[in-house]
PDB file of N, CA and C in Angstrom:
ATOM      1  N   MET A   1      -5.637  23.281 -11.363  1.00  0.00           N
ATOM      2  CA  MET A   1      -6.799  22.421 -11.268  1.00  0.00           C
ATOM      3  C   MET A   1      -6.773  21.375 -12.383  1.00  0.00           C
ATOM      4  N   LEU A   2      -6.404  21.807 -13.586  1.00  0.00           N
ATOM      5  CA  LEU A   2      -6.356  20.880 -14.712  1.00  0.00           C
ATOM      6  C   LEU A   2      -5.277  19.818 -14.499  1.00  0.00           C
ATOM      7  N   ASN A   3      -4.150  20.217 -13.916  1.00  0.00           N
ATOM      8  CA  ASN A   3      -3.080  19.237 -13.677  1.00  0.00           C
ATOM      9  C   ASN A   3      -3.529  18.153 -12.708  1.00  0.00           C
ATOM     10  N   LYS A   4      -4.291  18.544 -11.682  1.00  0.00           N
ATOM     11  CA  LYS A   4      -4.795  17.552 -10.731  1.00  0.00           C
ATOM     12  C   LYS A   4      -5.770  16.612 -11.420  1.00  0.00           C
ATOM     13  N   TRP A   5      -6.606  17.154 -12.276  1.00  0.00           N
ATOM     14  CA  TRP A   5      -7.581  16.317 -12.979  1.00  0.00           C
ATOM     15  C   TRP A   5      -6.878  15.336 -13.908  1.00  0.00           C
ATOM     16  N   LEU A   6      -5.892  15.834 -14.657  1.00  0.00           N
ATOM     17  CA  LEU A   6      -5.179  14.954 -15.593  1.00  0.00           C
ATOM     18  C   LEU A   6      -4.390  13.879 -14.864  1.00  0.00           C
ATOM     19  N   SER A   7      -3.756  14.228 -13.741  1.00  0.00           N
ATOM     20  CA  SER A   7      -3.006  13.208 -13.008  1.00  0.00           C
ATOM     21  C   SER A   7      -3.951  12.181 -12.394  1.00  0.00           C
ATOM     22  N   GLY A   8      -5.116  12.635 -11.939  1.00  0.00           N
ATOM     23  CA  GLY A   8      -6.102  11.693 -11.404  1.00  0.00           C
ATOM     24  C   GLY A   8      -6.649  10.778 -12.480  1.00  0.00           C
ATOM     25  N   ALA A   9      -6.916  11.330 -13.652  1.00  0.00           N
ATOM     26  CA  ALA A   9      -7.441  10.522 -14.756  1.00  0.00           C
ATOM     27  C   ALA A   9      -6.400   9.508 -15.220  1.00  0.00           C
ATOM     28  N   SER A  10      -5.155   9.927 -15.305  1.00  0.00           N
ATOM     29  CA  SER A  10      -4.119   8.991 -15.738  1.00  0.00           C
ATOM     30  C   SER A  10      -3.889   7.912 -14.684  1.00  0.00           C
ATOM     31  N   ALA A  11      -4.037   8.267 -13.397  1.00  0.00           N
ATOM     32  CA  ALA A  11      -3.884   7.266 -12.332  1.00  0.00           C
ATOM     33  C   ALA A  11      -4.996   6.224 -12.409  1.00  0.00           C
ATOM     34  N   LEU A  12      -6.170   6.609 -12.889  1.00  0.00           N
ATOM     35  CA  LEU A  12      -7.254   5.653 -13.030  1.00  0.00           C
ATOM     36  C   LEU A  12      -7.125   4.817 -14.299  1.00  0.00           C
ATOM     37  N   LEU A  13      -6.473   5.356 -15.318  1.00  0.00           N
ATOM     38  CA  LEU A  13      -6.358   4.631 -16.578  1.00  0.00           C
ATOM     39  C   LEU A  13      -5.236   3.591 -16.575  1.00  0.00           C
ATOM     40  N   VAL A  14      -4.219   3.787 -15.762  1.00  0.00           N
ATOM     41  CA  VAL A  14      -3.089   2.856 -15.745  1.00  0.00           C
ATOM     42  C   VAL A  14      -3.533   1.457 -15.324  1.00  0.00           C
ATOM     43  N   PRO A  15      -4.310   1.297 -14.247  1.00  0.00           N
ATOM     44  CA  PRO A  15      -4.770  -0.065 -13.918  1.00  0.00           C
ATOM     45  C   PRO A  15      -5.711  -0.640 -14.975  1.00  0.00           C
ATOM     46  N   ALA A  16      -6.440   0.197 -15.663  1.00  0.00           N
ATOM     47  CA  ALA A  16      -7.354  -0.298 -16.692  1.00  0.00           C
ATOM     48  C   ALA A  16      -6.588  -0.956 -17.827  1.00  0.00           C
ATOM     49  N   VAL A  17      -5.414  -0.453 -18.139  1.00  0.00           N
ATOM     50  CA  VAL A  17      -4.597  -1.050 -19.192  1.00  0.00           C
ATOM     51  C   VAL A  17      -4.137  -2.444 -18.761  1.00  0.00           C
ATOM     52  N   ALA A  18      -3.786  -2.584 -17.505  1.00  0.00           N
ATOM     53  CA  ALA A  18      -3.337  -3.887 -17.007  1.00  0.00           C
ATOM     54  C   ALA A  18      -4.476  -4.903 -17.013  1.00  0.00           C
ATOM     55  N   LEU A  19      -5.702  -4.447 -16.796  1.00  0.00           N
ATOM     56  CA  LEU A  19      -6.836  -5.355 -16.766  1.00  0.00           C
ATOM     57  C   LEU A  19      -7.353  -5.708 -18.158  1.00  0.00           C
ATOM     58  N   ALA A  20      -6.901  -5.003 -19.175  1.00  0.00           N
ATOM     59  CA  ALA A  20      -7.389  -5.213 -20.537  1.00  0.00           C
ATOM     60  C   ALA A  20      -6.514  -6.216 -21.286  1.00  0.00           C
ATOM     61  N   ASP A  21      -6.142  -7.295 -20.637  1.00  0.00           N
ATOM     62  CA  ASP A  21      -5.255  -8.254 -21.287  1.00  0.00           C
ATOM     63  C   ASP A  21      -5.973  -9.136 -22.299  1.00  0.00           C
ATOM     64  N   GLU A  22      -7.289  -9.259 -22.175  1.00  0.00           N
ATOM     65  CA  GLU A  22      -8.030 -10.065 -23.138  1.00  0.00           C
ATOM     66  C   GLU A  22      -8.657  -9.162 -24.194  1.00  0.00           C
ATOM     67  N   ALA A  23      -8.266  -9.346 -25.422  1.00  0.00           N
ATOM     68  CA  ALA A  23      -8.819  -8.536 -26.508  1.00  0.00           C
ATOM     69  C   ALA A  23     -10.197  -9.066 -26.894  1.00  0.00           C
ATOM     70  N   VAL A  24     -11.093  -8.165 -27.190  1.00  0.00           N
ATOM     71  CA  VAL A  24     -12.428  -8.550 -27.615  1.00  0.00           C
ATOM     72  C   VAL A  24     -12.372  -8.850 -29.107  1.00  0.00           C
ATOM     73  N   ALA A  25     -12.952  -9.975 -29.486  1.00  0.00           N
ATOM     74  CA  ALA A  25     -12.931 -10.382 -30.889  1.00  0.00           C
ATOM     75  C   ALA A  25     -13.796  -9.442 -31.720  1.00  0.00           C
ATOM     76  N   ALA A  26     -13.353  -9.149 -32.908  1.00  0.00           N
ATOM     77  CA  ALA A  26     -14.107  -8.297 -33.826  1.00  0.00           C
ATOM     78  C   ALA A  26     -15.350  -9.053 -34.299  1.00  0.00           C
ATOM     79  N   PRO A  27     -16.423  -8.327 -34.600  1.00  0.00           N
ATOM     80  CA  PRO A  27     -17.617  -9.016 -35.098  1.00  0.00           C
ATOM     81  C   PRO A  27     -17.345  -9.652 -36.462  1.00  0.00           C
ATOM     82  N   PRO A  28     -18.086 -10.660 -36.792  1.00  0.00           N
ATOM     83  CA  PRO A  28     -17.869 -11.292 -38.090  1.00  0.00           C
ATOM     84  C   PRO A  28     -18.151 -10.313 -39.229  1.00  0.00           C
ATOM     85  N   PRO A  29     -17.472 -10.457 -40.349  1.00  0.00           N
ATOM     86  CA  PRO A  29     -17.633  -9.496 -41.443  1.00  0.00           C
ATOM     87  C   PRO A  29     -19.028  -9.503 -42.060  1.00  0.00           C
ATOM     88  N   ASN A  30     -19.801 -10.554 -41.861  1.00  0.00           N
ATOM     89  CA  ASN A  30     -21.135 -10.598 -42.449  1.00  0.00           C
ATOM     90  C   ASN A  30     -22.212 -10.226 -41.420  1.00  0.00           C
ATOM     91  N   ALA A  31     -21.866  -9.361 -40.465  1.00  0.00           N
ATOM     92  CA  ALA A  31     -22.819  -8.941 -39.435  1.00  0.00           C
ATOM     93  C   ALA A  31     -23.895  -8.055 -40.059  1.00  0.00           C
ATOM     94  N   ASP A  32     -25.054  -8.033 -39.428  1.00  0.00           N
ATOM     95  CA  ASP A  32     -26.187  -7.234 -39.901  1.00  0.00           C
ATOM     96  C   ASP A  32     -25.894  -5.744 -39.682  1.00  0.00           C
ATOM     97  N   PRO A  33     -25.943  -4.921 -40.733  1.00  0.00           N
ATOM     98  CA  PRO A  33     -25.578  -3.511 -40.602  1.00  0.00           C
ATOM     99  C   PRO A  33     -26.733  -2.612 -40.148  1.00  0.00           C
ATOM    100  N   THR A  34     -27.814  -3.179 -39.647  1.00  0.00           N
ATOM    101  CA  THR A  34     -28.987  -2.377 -39.290  1.00  0.00           C
ATOM    102  C   THR A  34     -28.666  -1.347 -38.218  1.00  0.00           C
ATOM    103  N   ALA A  35     -27.912  -1.748 -37.198  1.00  0.00           N
ATOM    104  CA  ALA A  35     -27.580  -0.827 -36.109  1.00  0.00           C
ATOM    105  C   ALA A  35     -26.730   0.340 -36.616  1.00  0.00           C
ATOM    106  N   LEU A  36     -25.789   0.058 -37.489  1.00  0.00           N
ATOM    107  CA  LEU A  36     -24.943   1.116 -38.030  1.00  0.00           C
ATOM    108  C   LEU A  36     -25.751   2.078 -38.890  1.00  0.00           C
ATOM    109  N   ILE A  37     -26.641   1.560 -39.700  1.00  0.00           N
ATOM    110  CA  ILE A  37     -27.475   2.419 -40.545  1.00  0.00           C
ATOM    111  C   ILE A  37     -28.401   3.266 -39.694  1.00  0.00           C
ATOM    112  N   LEU A  38     -29.004   2.669 -38.673  1.00  0.00           N
ATOM    113  CA  LEU A  38     -29.890   3.415 -37.779  1.00  0.00           C
ATOM    114  C   LEU A  38     -29.128   4.509 -37.046  1.00  0.00           C
ATOM    115  N   PHE A  39     -27.939   4.200 -36.565  1.00  0.00           N
ATOM    116  CA  PHE A  39     -27.120   5.201 -35.891  1.00  0.00           C
ATOM    117  C   PHE A  39     -26.780   6.346 -36.832  1.00  0.00           C
ATOM    118  N   ALA A  40     -26.396   6.043 -38.059  1.00  0.00           N
ATOM    119  CA  ALA A  40     -26.034   7.087 -39.018  1.00  0.00           C
ATOM    120  C   ALA A  40     -27.231   7.981 -39.335  1.00  0.00           C
ATOM    121  N   VAL A  41     -28.401   7.397 -39.511  1.00  0.00           N
ATOM    122  CA  VAL A  41     -29.599   8.189 -39.814  1.00  0.00           C
ATOM    123  C   VAL A  41     -29.956   9.098 -38.647  1.00  0.00           C
ATOM    124  N   VAL A  42     -29.918   8.559 -37.430  1.00  0.00           N
ATOM    125  CA  VAL A  42     -30.247   9.363 -36.249  1.00  0.00           C
ATOM    126  C   VAL A  42     -29.221  10.467 -36.052  1.00  0.00           C
ATOM    127  N   MET A  43     -27.955  10.176 -36.255  1.00  0.00           N
ATOM    128  CA  MET A  43     -26.902  11.183 -36.070  1.00  0.00           C
ATOM    129  C   MET A  43     -27.050  12.309 -37.090  1.00  0.00           C
ATOM    130  N   VAL A  44     -27.291  11.977 -38.339  1.00  0.00           N
ATOM    131  CA  VAL A  44     -27.469  13.008 -39.366  1.00  0.00           C
ATOM    132  C   VAL A  44     -28.713  13.834 -39.069  1.00  0.00           C
ATOM    133  N   ALA A  45     -29.783  13.205 -38.600  1.00  0.00           N
ATOM    134  CA  ALA A  45     -31.006  13.933 -38.266  1.00  0.00           C
ATOM    135  C   ALA A  45     -30.765  14.884 -37.098  1.00  0.00           C
ATOM    136  N   MET A  46     -30.014  14.444 -36.101  1.00  0.00           N
ATOM    137  CA  MET A  46     -29.734  15.312 -34.956  1.00  0.00           C
ATOM    138  C   MET A  46     -28.860  16.495 -35.360  1.00  0.00           C
ATOM    139  N   ILE A  47     -27.875  16.270 -36.198  1.00  0.00           N
ATOM    140  CA  ILE A  47     -27.017  17.363 -36.659  1.00  0.00           C
ATOM    141  C   ILE A  47     -27.822  18.334 -37.502  1.00  0.00           C
ATOM    142  N   GLY A  48     -28.666  17.816 -38.388  1.00  0.00           N
ATOM    143  CA  GLY A  48     -29.519  18.688 -39.199  1.00  0.00           C
ATOM    144  C   GLY A  48     -30.503  19.471 -38.357  1.00  0.00           C
ATOM    145  N   GLY A  49     -31.091  18.845 -37.351  1.00  0.00           N
ATOM    146  CA  GLY A  49     -32.006  19.541 -36.462  1.00  0.00           C
ATOM    147  C   GLY A  49     -31.316  20.639 -35.679  1.00  0.00           C
ATOM    148  N   PHE A  50     -30.118  20.367 -35.203  1.00  0.00           N
ATOM    149  CA  PHE A  50     -29.368  21.382 -34.474  1.00  0.00           C
ATOM    150  C   PHE A  50     -28.996  22.549 -35.380  1.00  0.00           C
ATOM    151  N   ALA A  51     -28.565  22.247 -36.607  1.00  0.00           N
ATOM    152  CA  ALA A  51     -28.221  23.313 -37.552  1.00  0.00           C
ATOM    153  C   ALA A  51     -29.460  24.145 -37.891  1.00  0.00           C
ATOM    154  N   GLY A  52     -30.603  23.490 -38.072  1.00  0.00           N
ATOM    155  CA  GLY A  52     -31.842  24.220 -38.341  1.00  0.00           C
ATOM    156  C   GLY A  52     -32.243  25.094 -37.175  1.00  0.00           C
ATOM    157  N   TYR A  53     -32.086  24.597 -35.960  1.00  0.00           N
ATOM    158  CA  TYR A  53     -32.402  25.383 -34.767  1.00  0.00           C
ATOM    159  C   TYR A  53     -31.525  26.625 -34.690  1.00  0.00           C
ATOM    160  N   ILE A  54     -30.235  26.463 -34.908  1.00  0.00           N
ATOM    161  CA  ILE A  54     -29.315  27.604 -34.857  1.00  0.00           C
ATOM    162  C   ILE A  54     -29.656  28.599 -35.961  1.00  0.00           C
ATOM    163  N   TYR A  55     -29.958  28.102 -37.151  1.00  0.00           N
ATOM    164  CA  TYR A  55     -30.307  28.986 -38.267  1.00  0.00           C
ATOM    165  C   TYR A  55     -31.557  29.801 -37.947  1.00  0.00           C
ATOM    166  N   LEU A  56     -32.594  29.139 -37.457  1.00  0.00           N
ATOM    167  CA  LEU A  56     -33.834  29.851 -37.152  1.00  0.00           C
ATOM    168  C   LEU A  56     -33.665  30.814 -35.986  1.00  0.00           C
ATOM    169  N   LYS A  57     -32.841  30.449 -35.028  1.00  0.00           N
ATOM    170  CA  LYS A  57     -32.584  31.337 -33.898  1.00  0.00           C
ATOM    171  C   LYS A  57     -31.844  32.592 -34.353  1.00  0.00           C
ATOM    172  N   GLU A  58     -30.837  32.421 -35.215  1.00  0.00           N
ATOM    173  CA  GLU A  58     -30.098  33.576 -35.742  1.00  0.00           C
ATOM    174  C   GLU A  58     -30.992  34.423 -36.643  1.00  0.00           C
ATOM    175  N   LYS A  59     -31.836  33.787 -37.409  1.00  0.00           N
ATOM    176  CA  LYS A  59     -32.756  34.517 -38.290  1.00  0.00           C
ATOM    177  C   LYS A  59     -33.718  35.355 -37.463  1.00  0.00           C
ATOM    178  N   GLY A  60     -34.183  34.815 -36.344  1.00  0.00           N
ATOM    179  CA  GLY A  60     -35.078  35.542 -35.460  1.00  0.00           C
ATOM    180  C   GLY A  60     -34.378  36.692 -34.766  1.00  0.00           C
ATOM    181  N   ASN A  61     -33.116  36.540 -34.437  1.00  0.00           N
ATOM    182  CA  ASN A  61     -32.371  37.611 -33.765  1.00  0.00           C
ATOM    183  C   ASN A  61     -32.127  38.780 -34.695  1.00  0.00           C
ATOM    184  N   LYS A  62     -32.033  38.545 -35.988  1.00  0.00           N
ATOM    185  CA  LYS A  62     -31.812  39.627 -36.943  1.00  0.00           C
ATOM    186  C   LYS A  62     -33.041  40.512 -37.080  1.00  0.00           C
ATOM    187  N   ARG A  63     -34.209  39.965 -36.785  1.00  0.00           N
ATOM    188  CA  ARG A  63     -35.455  40.730 -36.898  1.00  0.00           C
ATOM    189  C   ARG A  63     -35.752  41.544 -35.644  1.00  0.00           C
ATOM    190  N   GLY A  64     -34.870  41.511 -34.684  1.00  0.00           N
ATOM    191  CA  GLY A  64     -35.064  42.301 -33.472  1.00  0.00           C
ATOM    192  C   GLY A  64     -35.804  41.575 -32.380  1.00  0.00           C
ATOM    193  N   ALA A  65     -35.796  40.261 -32.415  1.00  0.00           N
ATOM    194  CA  ALA A  65     -36.471  39.504 -31.367  1.00  0.00           C
ATOM    195  C   ALA A  65     -35.676  39.619 -30.071  1.00  0.00           C
ATOM    196  N   VAL A  66     -36.357  39.768 -28.995  1.00  0.00           N
ATOM    197  CA  VAL A  66     -35.706  39.901 -27.687  1.00  0.00           C
ATOM    198  C   VAL A  66     -35.743  38.545 -27.008  1.00  0.00           C
ATOM    199  N   LYS A  67     -34.569  38.058 -26.637  1.00  0.00           N
ATOM    200  CA  LYS A  67     -34.471  36.762 -25.950  1.00  0.00           C
ATOM    201  C   LYS A  67     -33.692  36.925 -24.687  1.00  0.00           C
TER     202      LYS A  67
END
């Protein structure tokens, strides 16, 4: 099953390489970093929230909570 999926995915990617002949220009070096900062803050918050959830769930399981 995995071999069929990989061959299908590679068959779809080969034409994409041929169509990607125009390179997208990089943003100017003096671009506003607001989006990057916002992304980093949200990503760190999501990772921290997930870690806190796992910690509290494991802490609750040690006390004999039935889930």
